[in-house]
């Protein structure tokens, strides 16, 4: 059976929620998975440092996920994918390398800016009112 949570499904999120109080893990296991994306995106943007990113991943893996009411399979997969994410972060080391890795999985998460504007470095492209 294929895994539900895979690192390849993570992308760069230009507007990740904050680490503290951002994702509500108790709602569903997917929130815990997307927390990895948030942490790596914050690091890639230089909004947190390497040690903080590593501590945040380890804290979620060791202190939060085991206590959540997820199925045993979801917990196992989340623990595995968090461990993989920790290895990737340690291997890549720099925000630039993490950004490149996240972008290799597809365009950034929808953020109100176009991919073209994002790639050209425009930080405040107008939002599409339909989004």
C-alpha atoms as a PDB file:
ATOM      1  CA  UNK A   1       0.000   0.000   0.000  1.00  0.00           C
ATOM      2  CA  UNK A   2       1.456   3.404  -0.948  1.00  0.00           C
ATOM      3  CA  UNK A   3       2.374   5.840   1.780  1.00  0.00           C
ATOM      4  CA  UNK A   4       0.001   8.651   2.567  1.00  0.00           C
ATOM      5  CA  UNK A   5       2.745  11.090   3.597  1.00  0.00           C
ATOM      6  CA  UNK A   6       5.720  11.572   1.280  1.00  0.00           C
ATOM      7  CA  UNK A   7       8.399  14.259   1.272  1.00  0.00           C
ATOM      8  CA  UNK A   8       7.930  14.614  -2.479  1.00  0.00           C
ATOM      9  CA  UNK A   9       4.499  16.115  -1.782  1.00  0.00           C
ATOM     10  CA  UNK A  10       5.983  19.047   0.130  1.00  0.00           C
ATOM     11  CA  UNK A  11       6.376  22.321  -1.741  1.00  0.00           C
ATOM     12  CA  UNK A  12       7.550  25.797  -0.911  1.00  0.00           C
ATOM     13  CA  UNK A  13       4.909  27.753   0.990  1.00  0.00           C
ATOM     14  CA  UNK A  14       5.510  31.508   0.649  1.00  0.00           C
ATOM     15  CA  UNK A  15       3.070  32.247   3.491  1.00  0.00           C
ATOM     16  CA  UNK A  16       3.468  29.497   6.069  1.00  0.00           C
ATOM     17  CA  UNK A  17       1.646  29.851   9.353  1.00  0.00           C
ATOM     18  CA  UNK A  18       3.828  30.510  12.402  1.00  0.00           C
ATOM     19  CA  UNK A  19       5.472  27.572  14.133  1.00  0.00           C
ATOM     20  CA  UNK A  20       3.718  28.264  17.428  1.00  0.00           C
ATOM     21  CA  UNK A  21      -0.036  28.193  17.074  1.00  0.00           C
ATOM     22  CA  UNK A  22      -0.009  27.766  13.311  1.00  0.00           C
ATOM     23  CA  UNK A  23      -1.260  24.272  12.577  1.00  0.00           C
ATOM     24  CA  UNK A  24      -3.856  22.465  14.641  1.00  0.00           C
ATOM     25  CA  UNK A  25      -2.453  18.948  14.819  1.00  0.00           C
ATOM     26  CA  UNK A  26      -5.504  17.601  16.624  1.00  0.00           C
ATOM     27  CA  UNK A  27      -7.762  18.273  13.622  1.00  0.00           C
ATOM     28  CA  UNK A  28      -6.170  15.752  11.255  1.00  0.00           C
ATOM     29  CA  UNK A  29      -2.869  14.057  10.494  1.00  0.00           C
ATOM     30  CA  UNK A  30      -2.427  16.104   7.303  1.00  0.00           C
ATOM     31  CA  UNK A  31      -1.918  19.185   9.482  1.00  0.00           C
ATOM     32  CA  UNK A  32       1.055  17.484  11.129  1.00  0.00           C
ATOM     33  CA  UNK A  33       2.436  16.603   7.706  1.00  0.00           C
ATOM     34  CA  UNK A  34       2.080  20.152   6.387  1.00  0.00           C
ATOM     35  CA  UNK A  35       3.926  21.412   9.474  1.00  0.00           C
ATOM     36  CA  UNK A  36       7.098  19.999   7.888  1.00  0.00           C
ATOM     37  CA  UNK A  37       6.465  22.175   4.833  1.00  0.00           C
ATOM     38  CA  UNK A  38       5.884  25.203   7.067  1.00  0.00           C
ATOM     39  CA  UNK A  39       9.123  24.711   8.974  1.00  0.00           C
ATOM     40  CA  UNK A  40      11.215  24.115   5.851  1.00  0.00           C
ATOM     41  CA  UNK A  41       9.595  27.091   4.088  1.00  0.00           C
ATOM     42  CA  UNK A  42      10.285  29.379   7.040  1.00  0.00           C
ATOM     43  CA  UNK A  43      13.894  28.213   7.048  1.00  0.00           C
ATOM     44  CA  UNK A  44      14.226  28.650   3.269  1.00  0.00           C
ATOM     45  CA  UNK A  45      12.992  32.234   3.667  1.00  0.00           C
ATOM     46  CA  UNK A  46      15.519  32.932   6.419  1.00  0.00           C
ATOM     47  CA  UNK A  47      12.761  33.573   8.963  1.00  0.00           C
ATOM     48  CA  UNK A  48      14.137  30.903  11.323  1.00  0.00           C
ATOM     49  CA  UNK A  49      17.659  29.546  11.667  1.00  0.00           C
ATOM     50  CA  UNK A  50      18.925  26.002  11.141  1.00  0.00           C
ATOM     51  CA  UNK A  51      18.924  25.035  14.827  1.00  0.00           C
ATOM     52  CA  UNK A  52      15.382  26.316  15.353  1.00  0.00           C
ATOM     53  CA  UNK A  53      14.129  24.399  12.287  1.00  0.00           C
ATOM     54  CA  UNK A  54      15.784  21.221  13.539  1.00  0.00           C
ATOM     55  CA  UNK A  55      14.384  21.665  17.056  1.00  0.00           C
ATOM     56  CA  UNK A  56      10.881  22.325  15.695  1.00  0.00           C
ATOM     57  CA  UNK A  57      10.943  19.152  13.581  1.00  0.00           C
ATOM     58  CA  UNK A  58      12.254  17.072  16.464  1.00  0.00           C
ATOM     59  CA  UNK A  59       9.731  18.527  18.905  1.00  0.00           C
ATOM     60  CA  UNK A  60       6.781  17.726  16.642  1.00  0.00           C
ATOM     61  CA  UNK A  61       8.153  14.241  15.984  1.00  0.00           C
ATOM     62  CA  UNK A  62       8.934  13.313  19.571  1.00  0.00           C
ATOM     63  CA  UNK A  63       6.531  15.320  21.721  1.00  0.00           C
ATOM     64  CA  UNK A  64       3.416  16.028  19.674  1.00  0.00           C
ATOM     65  CA  UNK A  65       2.727  13.307  17.115  1.00  0.00           C
ATOM     66  CA  UNK A  66       2.944  10.365  19.547  1.00  0.00           C
ATOM     67  CA  UNK A  67       0.184  11.974  21.647  1.00  0.00           C
ATOM     68  CA  UNK A  68      -2.218  12.663  18.794  1.00  0.00           C
ATOM     69  CA  UNK A  69      -5.349  10.556  18.229  1.00  0.00           C
ATOM     70  CA  UNK A  70      -4.226   9.450  14.758  1.00  0.00           C
ATOM     71  CA  UNK A  71      -4.322   5.856  13.597  1.00  0.00           C
ATOM     72  CA  UNK A  72      -1.212   3.797  14.321  1.00  0.00           C
ATOM     73  CA  UNK A  73      -0.445   3.753  10.578  1.00  0.00           C
ATOM     74  CA  UNK A  74      -0.683   7.550  10.336  1.00  0.00           C
ATOM     75  CA  UNK A  75       1.572   7.966  13.374  1.00  0.00           C
ATOM     76  CA  UNK A  76       4.122   5.529  11.949  1.00  0.00           C
ATOM     77  CA  UNK A  77       4.158   7.295   8.584  1.00  0.00           C
ATOM     78  CA  UNK A  78       4.401  10.737  10.161  1.00  0.00           C
ATOM     79  CA  UNK A  79       7.291   9.682  12.375  1.00  0.00           C
ATOM     80  CA  UNK A  80       9.066   8.241   9.332  1.00  0.00           C
ATOM     81  CA  UNK A  81       8.512  11.334   7.186  1.00  0.00           C
ATOM     82  CA  UNK A  82       9.650  13.638   9.999  1.00  0.00           C
ATOM     83  CA  UNK A  83      12.832  11.577  10.332  1.00  0.00           C
ATOM     84  CA  UNK A  84      13.347  11.832   6.557  1.00  0.00           C
ATOM     85  CA  UNK A  85      12.803  15.609   6.699  1.00  0.00           C
ATOM     86  CA  UNK A  86      15.386  15.919   9.478  1.00  0.00           C
ATOM     87  CA  UNK A  87      17.903  13.999   7.346  1.00  0.00           C
ATOM     88  CA  UNK A  88      17.155  16.227   4.333  1.00  0.00           C
ATOM     89  CA  UNK A  89      17.590  19.398   6.386  1.00  0.00           C
ATOM     90  CA  UNK A  90      20.902  18.153   7.804  1.00  0.00           C
ATOM     91  CA  UNK A  91      22.123  17.173   4.348  1.00  0.00           C
ATOM     92  CA  UNK A  92      21.088  20.387   2.574  1.00  0.00           C
ATOM     93  CA  UNK A  93      22.088  22.741   5.451  1.00  0.00           C
ATOM     94  CA  UNK A  94      21.507  26.101   3.727  1.00  0.00           C
ATOM     95  CA  UNK A  95      18.252  28.009   3.205  1.00  0.00           C
ATOM     96  CA  UNK A  96      19.038  28.316  -0.511  1.00  0.00           C
ATOM     97  CA  UNK A  97      19.462  24.544  -0.892  1.00  0.00           C
ATOM     98  CA  UNK A  98      16.240  23.887   1.034  1.00  0.00           C
ATOM     99  CA  UNK A  99      14.385  26.400  -1.172  1.00  0.00           C
ATOM    100  CA  UNK A 100      15.695  24.705  -4.306  1.00  0.00           C
ATOM    101  CA  UNK A 101      14.684  21.285  -2.943  1.00  0.00           C
ATOM    102  CA  UNK A 102      11.153  22.457  -2.092  1.00  0.00           C
ATOM    103  CA  UNK A 103      10.714  24.114  -5.487  1.00  0.00           C
ATOM    104  CA  UNK A 104      11.853  20.900  -7.203  1.00  0.00           C
ATOM    105  CA  UNK A 105       8.547  19.346  -6.057  1.00  0.00           C
ATOM    106  CA  UNK A 106       6.380  21.802  -7.956  1.00  0.00           C
ATOM    107  CA  UNK A 107       5.284  25.417  -7.889  1.00  0.00           C
ATOM    108  CA  UNK A 108       4.865  27.193  -4.572  1.00  0.00           C
ATOM    109  CA  UNK A 109       1.619  26.771  -2.692  1.00  0.00           C
ATOM    110  CA  UNK A 110      -1.037  29.267  -3.734  1.00  0.00           C
ATOM    111  CA  UNK A 111      -0.106  32.546  -2.153  1.00  0.00           C
ATOM    112  CA  UNK A 112      -1.816  35.278  -4.089  1.00  0.00           C
ATOM    113  CA  UNK A 113       1.229  35.808  -6.315  1.00  0.00           C
ATOM    114  CA  UNK A 114       1.878  34.156  -9.626  1.00  0.00           C
ATOM    115  CA  UNK A 115       4.777  31.771 -10.101  1.00  0.00           C
ATOM    116  CA  UNK A 116       6.273  34.211 -12.631  1.00  0.00           C
ATOM    117  CA  UNK A 117       6.119  37.080 -10.127  1.00  0.00           C
ATOM    118  CA  UNK A 118       7.561  34.837  -7.425  1.00  0.00           C
ATOM    119  CA  UNK A 119      10.469  33.757  -9.635  1.00  0.00           C
ATOM    120  CA  UNK A 120      11.148  37.370 -10.623  1.00  0.00           C
ATOM    121  CA  UNK A 121      11.296  38.380  -6.972  1.00  0.00           C
ATOM    122  CA  UNK A 122       8.184  40.532  -6.741  1.00  0.00           C
ATOM    123  CA  UNK A 123       7.090  40.406  -3.138  1.00  0.00           C
ATOM    124  CA  UNK A 124       3.799  42.221  -3.430  1.00  0.00           C
ATOM    125  CA  UNK A 125       2.039  41.181  -6.596  1.00  0.00           C
ATOM    126  CA  UNK A 126      -1.646  42.067  -6.500  1.00  0.00           C
ATOM    127  CA  UNK A 127      -3.970  39.295  -5.367  1.00  0.00           C
ATOM    128  CA  UNK A 128      -6.484  37.874  -7.782  1.00  0.00           C
ATOM    129  CA  UNK A 129      -9.866  38.758  -6.236  1.00  0.00           C
ATOM    130  CA  UNK A 130     -11.319  35.444  -7.408  1.00  0.00           C
ATOM    131  CA  UNK A 131      -8.865  33.341  -5.364  1.00  0.00           C
END
